Amino acid sequence: MSALDRVRLLEIVGKLLKNDVATLNIIKIKNTDFLRLRCGRFRIIFHQENKQIIVDSIKLRNENTYKDL
């Protein structure tokens, strides 16, 4: 992961945790309680629990990104 990717991901996760989600690309993953946030070629998988956001994983997008959710 490049330094630029790292900075960008930290910025996006910070927005997510502050609930500043108006400009973020968030979609619910079908047949699960998880949501995904797209950040370039990365996907941030998370869920909400008692009004708290739990980040489950940050992965490069590929054919295995959404398996085993």
PDB file of N, CA and C in Angstrom:
ATOM      1  N   MET A   1       0.856  -1.163   0.000  1.00  0.00           N
ATOM      2  CA  MET A   1       0.000   0.000   0.000  1.00  0.00           C
ATOM      3  C   MET A   1       0.909   1.235   0.000  1.00  0.00           C
ATOM      4  N   SER A   2       0.593   2.153  -0.878  1.00  0.00           N
ATOM      5  CA  SER A   2       1.407   3.364  -0.973  1.00  0.00           C
ATOM      6  C   SER A   2       1.085   4.324   0.170  1.00  0.00           C
ATOM      7  N   ALA A   3       1.968   5.270   0.385  1.00  0.00           N
ATOM      8  CA  ALA A   3       1.750   6.276   1.427  1.00  0.00           C
ATOM      9  C   ALA A   3       0.510   7.102   1.110  1.00  0.00           C
ATOM     10  N   LEU A   4       0.282   7.402  -0.158  1.00  0.00           N
ATOM     11  CA  LEU A   4      -0.897   8.171  -0.563  1.00  0.00           C
ATOM     12  C   LEU A   4      -2.179   7.396  -0.264  1.00  0.00           C
ATOM     13  N   ASP A   5      -2.176   6.079  -0.558  1.00  0.00           N
ATOM     14  CA  ASP A   5      -3.339   5.238  -0.243  1.00  0.00           C
ATOM     15  C   ASP A   5      -3.609   5.232   1.260  1.00  0.00           C
ATOM     16  N   ARG A   6      -2.549   5.125   2.043  1.00  0.00           N
ATOM     17  CA  ARG A   6      -2.683   5.089   3.498  1.00  0.00           C
ATOM     18  C   ARG A   6      -3.310   6.382   4.028  1.00  0.00           C
ATOM     19  N   VAL A   7      -2.832   7.515   3.542  1.00  0.00           N
ATOM     20  CA  VAL A   7      -3.368   8.812   3.973  1.00  0.00           C
ATOM     21  C   VAL A   7      -4.828   8.937   3.577  1.00  0.00           C
ATOM     22  N   ARG A   8      -5.140   8.551   2.357  1.00  0.00           N
ATOM     23  CA  ARG A   8      -6.515   8.636   1.855  1.00  0.00           C
ATOM     24  C   ARG A   8      -7.460   7.749   2.669  1.00  0.00           C
ATOM     25  N   LEU A   9      -7.028   6.529   2.958  1.00  0.00           N
ATOM     26  CA  LEU A   9      -7.856   5.612   3.742  1.00  0.00           C
ATOM     27  C   LEU A   9      -8.072   6.130   5.163  1.00  0.00           C
ATOM     28  N   LEU A  10      -7.029   6.657   5.777  1.00  0.00           N
ATOM     29  CA  LEU A  10      -7.176   7.210   7.130  1.00  0.00           C
ATOM     30  C   LEU A  10      -8.147   8.383   7.143  1.00  0.00           C
ATOM     31  N   GLU A  11      -8.098   9.202   6.111  1.00  0.00           N
ATOM     32  CA  GLU A  11      -9.025  10.330   6.007  1.00  0.00           C
ATOM     33  C   GLU A  11     -10.466   9.841   5.882  1.00  0.00           C
ATOM     34  N   ILE A  12     -10.686   8.843   5.025  1.00  0.00           N
ATOM     35  CA  ILE A  12     -12.028   8.304   4.805  1.00  0.00           C
ATOM     36  C   ILE A  12     -12.552   7.610   6.064  1.00  0.00           C
ATOM     37  N   VAL A  13     -11.726   6.808   6.718  1.00  0.00           N
ATOM     38  CA  VAL A  13     -12.149   6.128   7.948  1.00  0.00           C
ATOM     39  C   VAL A  13     -12.453   7.160   9.032  1.00  0.00           C
ATOM     40  N   GLY A  14     -11.677   8.221   9.094  1.00  0.00           N
ATOM     41  CA  GLY A  14     -11.948   9.294  10.048  1.00  0.00           C
ATOM     42  C   GLY A  14     -13.310   9.918   9.821  1.00  0.00           C
ATOM     43  N   LYS A  15     -13.646  10.174   8.551  1.00  0.00           N
ATOM     44  CA  LYS A  15     -14.972  10.716   8.223  1.00  0.00           C
ATOM     45  C   LYS A  15     -16.064   9.740   8.633  1.00  0.00           C
ATOM     46  N   LEU A  16     -15.834   8.469   8.356  1.00  0.00           N
ATOM     47  CA  LEU A  16     -16.814   7.442   8.695  1.00  0.00           C
ATOM     48  C   LEU A  16     -17.054   7.399  10.204  1.00  0.00           C
ATOM     49  N   LEU A  17     -15.998   7.416  10.978  1.00  0.00           N
ATOM     50  CA  LEU A  17     -16.128   7.323  12.432  1.00  0.00           C
ATOM     51  C   LEU A  17     -16.733   8.584  13.042  1.00  0.00           C
ATOM     52  N   LYS A  18     -16.587   9.720  12.364  1.00  0.00           N
ATOM     53  CA  LYS A  18     -17.208  10.969  12.824  1.00  0.00           C
ATOM     54  C   LYS A  18     -18.637  11.109  12.312  1.00  0.00           C
ATOM     55  N   ASN A  19     -19.089  10.104  11.553  1.00  0.00           N
ATOM     56  CA  ASN A  19     -20.429  10.088  10.957  1.00  0.00           C
ATOM     57  C   ASN A  19     -20.618  11.210   9.939  1.00  0.00           C
ATOM     58  N   ASP A  20     -19.534  11.611   9.279  1.00  0.00           N
ATOM     59  CA  ASP A  20     -19.560  12.608   8.214  1.00  0.00           C
ATOM     60  C   ASP A  20     -19.626  11.845   6.887  1.00  0.00           C
ATOM     61  N   VAL A  21     -20.789  11.236   6.617  1.00  0.00           N
ATOM     62  CA  VAL A  21     -20.905  10.283   5.515  1.00  0.00           C
ATOM     63  C   VAL A  21     -21.639  10.814   4.286  1.00  0.00           C
ATOM     64  N   ALA A  22     -21.993  12.079   4.276  1.00  0.00           N
ATOM     65  CA  ALA A  22     -22.795  12.630   3.176  1.00  0.00           C
ATOM     66  C   ALA A  22     -22.114  12.468   1.819  1.00  0.00           C
ATOM     67  N   THR A  23     -20.795  12.561   1.762  1.00  0.00           N
ATOM     68  CA  THR A  23     -20.084  12.491   0.482  1.00  0.00           C
ATOM     69  C   THR A  23     -19.451  11.127   0.228  1.00  0.00           C
ATOM     70  N   LEU A  24     -19.678  10.158   1.112  1.00  0.00           N
ATOM     71  CA  LEU A  24     -19.044   8.849   0.973  1.00  0.00           C
ATOM     72  C   LEU A  24     -19.932   7.882   0.199  1.00  0.00           C
ATOM     73  N   ASN A  25     -19.298   6.980  -0.528  1.00  0.00           N
ATOM     74  CA  ASN A  25     -19.999   5.996  -1.350  1.00  0.00           C
ATOM     75  C   ASN A  25     -20.232   4.735  -0.513  1.00  0.00           C
ATOM     76  N   ILE A  26     -21.356   4.713   0.212  1.00  0.00           N
ATOM     77  CA  ILE A  26     -21.674   3.602   1.117  1.00  0.00           C
ATOM     78  C   ILE A  26     -22.874   2.842   0.575  1.00  0.00           C
ATOM     79  N   ILE A  27     -22.746   1.515   0.524  1.00  0.00           N
ATOM     80  CA  ILE A  27     -23.833   0.656   0.051  1.00  0.00           C
ATOM     81  C   ILE A  27     -23.936  -0.547   0.984  1.00  0.00           C
ATOM     82  N   LYS A  28     -25.165  -0.959   1.291  1.00  0.00           N
ATOM     83  CA  LYS A  28     -25.397  -2.159   2.097  1.00  0.00           C
ATOM     84  C   LYS A  28     -25.087  -3.381   1.245  1.00  0.00           C
ATOM     85  N   ILE A  29     -24.405  -4.355   1.821  1.00  0.00           N
ATOM     86  CA  ILE A  29     -24.089  -5.594   1.117  1.00  0.00           C
ATOM     87  C   ILE A  29     -25.286  -6.525   1.249  1.00  0.00           C
ATOM     88  N   LYS A  30     -25.747  -7.048   0.125  1.00  0.00           N
ATOM     89  CA  LYS A  30     -26.949  -7.885   0.100  1.00  0.00           C
ATOM     90  C   LYS A  30     -26.828  -9.084   1.038  1.00  0.00           C
ATOM     91  N   ASN A  31     -27.943  -9.410   1.679  1.00  0.00           N
ATOM     92  CA  ASN A  31     -28.084 -10.587   2.546  1.00  0.00           C
ATOM     93  C   ASN A  31     -27.131 -10.589   3.744  1.00  0.00           C
ATOM     94  N   THR A  32     -26.657  -9.422   4.148  1.00  0.00           N
ATOM     95  CA  THR A  32     -25.798  -9.321   5.334  1.00  0.00           C
ATOM     96  C   THR A  32     -26.178  -8.062   6.109  1.00  0.00           C
ATOM     97  N   ASP A  33     -25.564  -7.897   7.260  1.00  0.00           N
ATOM     98  CA  ASP A  33     -25.726  -6.668   8.039  1.00  0.00           C
ATOM     99  C   ASP A  33     -24.571  -5.701   7.787  1.00  0.00           C
ATOM    100  N   PHE A  34     -23.703  -6.050   6.841  1.00  0.00           N
ATOM    101  CA  PHE A  34     -22.516  -5.248   6.567  1.00  0.00           C
ATOM    102  C   PHE A  34     -22.784  -4.176   5.519  1.00  0.00           C
ATOM    103  N   LEU A  35     -21.978  -3.134   5.594  1.00  0.00           N
ATOM    104  CA  LEU A  35     -21.999  -2.083   4.587  1.00  0.00           C
ATOM    105  C   LEU A  35     -20.598  -1.994   4.006  1.00  0.00           C
ATOM    106  N   ARG A  36     -20.502  -1.427   2.807  1.00  0.00           N
ATOM    107  CA  ARG A  36     -19.187  -1.242   2.227  1.00  0.00           C
ATOM    108  C   ARG A  36     -19.020   0.205   1.815  1.00  0.00           C
ATOM    109  N   LEU A  37     -17.808   0.656   1.968  1.00  0.00           N
ATOM    110  CA  LEU A  37     -17.434   2.010   1.602  1.00  0.00           C
ATOM    111  C   LEU A  37     -16.341   1.894   0.558  1.00  0.00           C
ATOM    112  N   ARG A  38     -16.544   2.516  -0.577  1.00  0.00           N
ATOM    113  CA  ARG A  38     -15.569   2.443  -1.661  1.00  0.00           C
ATOM    114  C   ARG A  38     -14.599   3.612  -1.550  1.00  0.00           C
ATOM    115  N   CYS A  39     -13.327   3.308  -1.621  1.00  0.00           N
ATOM    116  CA  CYS A  39     -12.269   4.319  -1.581  1.00  0.00           C
ATOM    117  C   CYS A  39     -11.239   3.935  -2.637  1.00  0.00           C
ATOM    118  N   GLY A  40     -11.469   4.383  -3.871  1.00  0.00           N
ATOM    119  CA  GLY A  40     -10.584   3.998  -4.969  1.00  0.00           C
ATOM    120  C   GLY A  40     -10.647   2.506  -5.197  1.00  0.00           C
ATOM    121  N   ARG A  41      -9.501   1.854  -5.170  1.00  0.00           N
ATOM    122  CA  ARG A  41      -9.472   0.400  -5.393  1.00  0.00           C
ATOM    123  C   ARG A  41      -9.631  -0.390  -4.104  1.00  0.00           C
ATOM    124  N   PHE A  42      -9.812   0.308  -2.985  1.00  0.00           N
ATOM    125  CA  PHE A  42      -9.997  -0.335  -1.690  1.00  0.00           C
ATOM    126  C   PHE A  42     -11.465  -0.359  -1.301  1.00  0.00           C
ATOM    127  N   ARG A  43     -11.833  -1.355  -0.486  1.00  0.00           N
ATOM    128  CA  ARG A  43     -13.172  -1.451   0.070  1.00  0.00           C
ATOM    129  C   ARG A  43     -13.054  -1.543   1.585  1.00  0.00           C
ATOM    130  N   ILE A  44     -13.847  -0.735   2.262  1.00  0.00           N
ATOM    131  CA  ILE A  44     -13.896  -0.754   3.718  1.00  0.00           C
ATOM    132  C   ILE A  44     -15.212  -1.418   4.094  1.00  0.00           C
ATOM    133  N   ILE A  45     -15.139  -2.556   4.758  1.00  0.00           N
ATOM    134  CA  ILE A  45     -16.320  -3.307   5.168  1.00  0.00           C
ATOM    135  C   ILE A  45     -16.565  -2.990   6.641  1.00  0.00           C
ATOM    136  N   PHE A  46     -17.805  -2.604   6.964  1.00  0.00           N
ATOM    137  CA  PHE A  46     -18.107  -2.232   8.340  1.00  0.00           C
ATOM    138  C   PHE A  46     -19.554  -2.549   8.667  1.00  0.00           C
ATOM    139  N   HIS A  47     -19.896  -2.455   9.939  1.00  0.00           N
ATOM    140  CA  HIS A  47     -21.280  -2.607  10.376  1.00  0.00           C
ATOM    141  C   HIS A  47     -21.525  -1.665  11.549  1.00  0.00           C
ATOM    142  N   GLN A  48     -22.792  -1.473  11.858  1.00  0.00           N
ATOM    143  CA  GLN A  48     -23.163  -0.631  12.985  1.00  0.00           C
ATOM    144  C   GLN A  48     -23.693  -1.507  14.106  1.00  0.00           C
ATOM    145  N   GLU A  49     -23.277  -1.191  15.310  1.00  0.00           N
ATOM    146  CA  GLU A  49     -23.698  -1.943  16.486  1.00  0.00           C
ATOM    147  C   GLU A  49     -23.956  -0.942  17.609  1.00  0.00           C
ATOM    148  N   ASN A  50     -25.210  -0.850  18.044  1.00  0.00           N
ATOM    149  CA  ASN A  50     -25.589   0.107  19.092  1.00  0.00           C
ATOM    150  C   ASN A  50     -25.143   1.533  18.758  1.00  0.00           C
ATOM    151  N   LYS A  51     -25.433   1.961  17.543  1.00  0.00           N
ATOM    152  CA  LYS A  51     -25.096   3.305  17.044  1.00  0.00           C
ATOM    153  C   LYS A  51     -23.596   3.564  16.990  1.00  0.00           C
ATOM    154  N   GLN A  52     -22.812   2.496  17.012  1.00  0.00           N
ATOM    155  CA  GLN A  52     -21.362   2.608  16.930  1.00  0.00           C
ATOM    156  C   GLN A  52     -20.910   1.925  15.643  1.00  0.00           C
ATOM    157  N   ILE A  53     -19.947   2.504  14.955  1.00  0.00           N
ATOM    158  CA  ILE A  53     -19.453   1.937  13.706  1.00  0.00           C
ATOM    159  C   ILE A  53     -18.252   1.054  14.004  1.00  0.00           C
ATOM    160  N   ILE A  54     -18.317  -0.184  13.517  1.00  0.00           N
ATOM    161  CA  ILE A  54     -17.242  -1.155  13.691  1.00  0.00           C
ATOM    162  C   ILE A  54     -16.662  -1.447  12.309  1.00  0.00           C
ATOM    163  N   VAL A  55     -15.382  -1.122  12.096  1.00  0.00           N
ATOM    164  CA  VAL A  55     -14.715  -1.419  10.828  1.00  0.00           C
ATOM    165  C   VAL A  55     -14.222  -2.860  10.905  1.00  0.00           C
ATOM    166  N   ASP A  56     -14.723  -3.699   9.988  1.00  0.00           N
ATOM    167  CA  ASP A  56     -14.375  -5.118   9.997  1.00  0.00           C
ATOM    168  C   ASP A  56     -13.143  -5.424   9.159  1.00  0.00           C
ATOM    169  N   SER A  57     -13.011  -4.758   8.014  1.00  0.00           N
ATOM    170  CA  SER A  57     -11.836  -4.997   7.185  1.00  0.00           C
ATOM    171  C   SER A  57     -11.655  -3.880   6.166  1.00  0.00           C
ATOM    172  N   ILE A  58     -10.422  -3.748   5.728  1.00  0.00           N
ATOM    173  CA  ILE A  58     -10.063  -2.851   4.633  1.00  0.00           C
ATOM    174  C   ILE A  58      -9.261  -3.705   3.668  1.00  0.00           C
ATOM    175  N   LYS A  59      -9.787  -3.872   2.446  1.00  0.00           N
ATOM    176  CA  LYS A  59      -9.169  -4.781   1.480  1.00  0.00           C
ATOM    177  C   LYS A  59      -9.079  -4.142   0.106  1.00  0.00           C
ATOM    178  N   LEU A  60      -8.108  -4.611  -0.680  1.00  0.00           N
ATOM    179  CA  LEU A  60      -8.092  -4.280  -2.092  1.00  0.00           C
ATOM    180  C   LEU A  60      -9.250  -5.002  -2.752  1.00  0.00           C
ATOM    181  N   ARG A  61      -9.916  -4.360  -3.666  1.00  0.00           N
ATOM    182  CA  ARG A  61     -11.059  -4.973  -4.347  1.00  0.00           C
ATOM    183  C   ARG A  61     -10.563  -6.077  -5.269  1.00  0.00           C
ATOM    184  N   ASN A  62     -11.101  -7.294  -5.075  1.00  0.00           N
ATOM    185  CA  ASN A  62     -10.856  -8.421  -5.974  1.00  0.00           C
ATOM    186  C   ASN A  62     -12.026  -9.390  -5.864  1.00  0.00           C
ATOM    187  N   GLU A  63     -11.918 -10.546  -6.469  1.00  0.00           N
ATOM    188  CA  GLU A  63     -13.044 -11.481  -6.495  1.00  0.00           C
ATOM    189  C   GLU A  63     -13.358 -12.070  -5.119  1.00  0.00           C
ATOM    190  N   ASN A  64     -12.461 -11.949  -4.156  1.00  0.00           N
ATOM    191  CA  ASN A  64     -12.679 -12.508  -2.820  1.00  0.00           C
ATOM    192  C   ASN A  64     -13.080 -11.470  -1.774  1.00  0.00           C
ATOM    193  N   THR A  65     -13.233 -10.234  -2.168  1.00  0.00           N
ATOM    194  CA  THR A  65     -13.489  -9.153  -1.214  1.00  0.00           C
ATOM    195  C   THR A  65     -14.741  -9.394  -0.387  1.00  0.00           C
ATOM    196  N   TYR A  66     -15.811  -9.850  -1.021  1.00  0.00           N
ATOM    197  CA  TYR A  66     -17.093  -9.976  -0.325  1.00  0.00           C
ATOM    198  C   TYR A  66     -17.425 -11.409   0.076  1.00  0.00           C
ATOM    199  N   LYS A  67     -16.512 -12.345  -0.138  1.00  0.00           N
ATOM    200  CA  LYS A  67     -16.761 -13.734   0.265  1.00  0.00           C
ATOM    201  C   LYS A  67     -16.667 -13.861   1.779  1.00  0.00           C
ATOM    202  N   ASP A  68     -17.400 -14.797   2.330  1.00  0.00           N
ATOM    203  CA  ASP A  68     -17.374 -15.128   3.765  1.00  0.00           C
ATOM    204  C   ASP A  68     -17.850 -13.989   4.664  1.00  0.00           C
ATOM    205  N   LEU A  69     -18.811 -13.206   4.194  1.00  0.00           N
ATOM    206  CA  LEU A  69     -19.373 -12.154   5.055  1.00  0.00           C
ATOM    207  C   LEU A  69     -20.616 -12.665   5.741  1.00  0.00           C
TER     208      LEU A  69
END
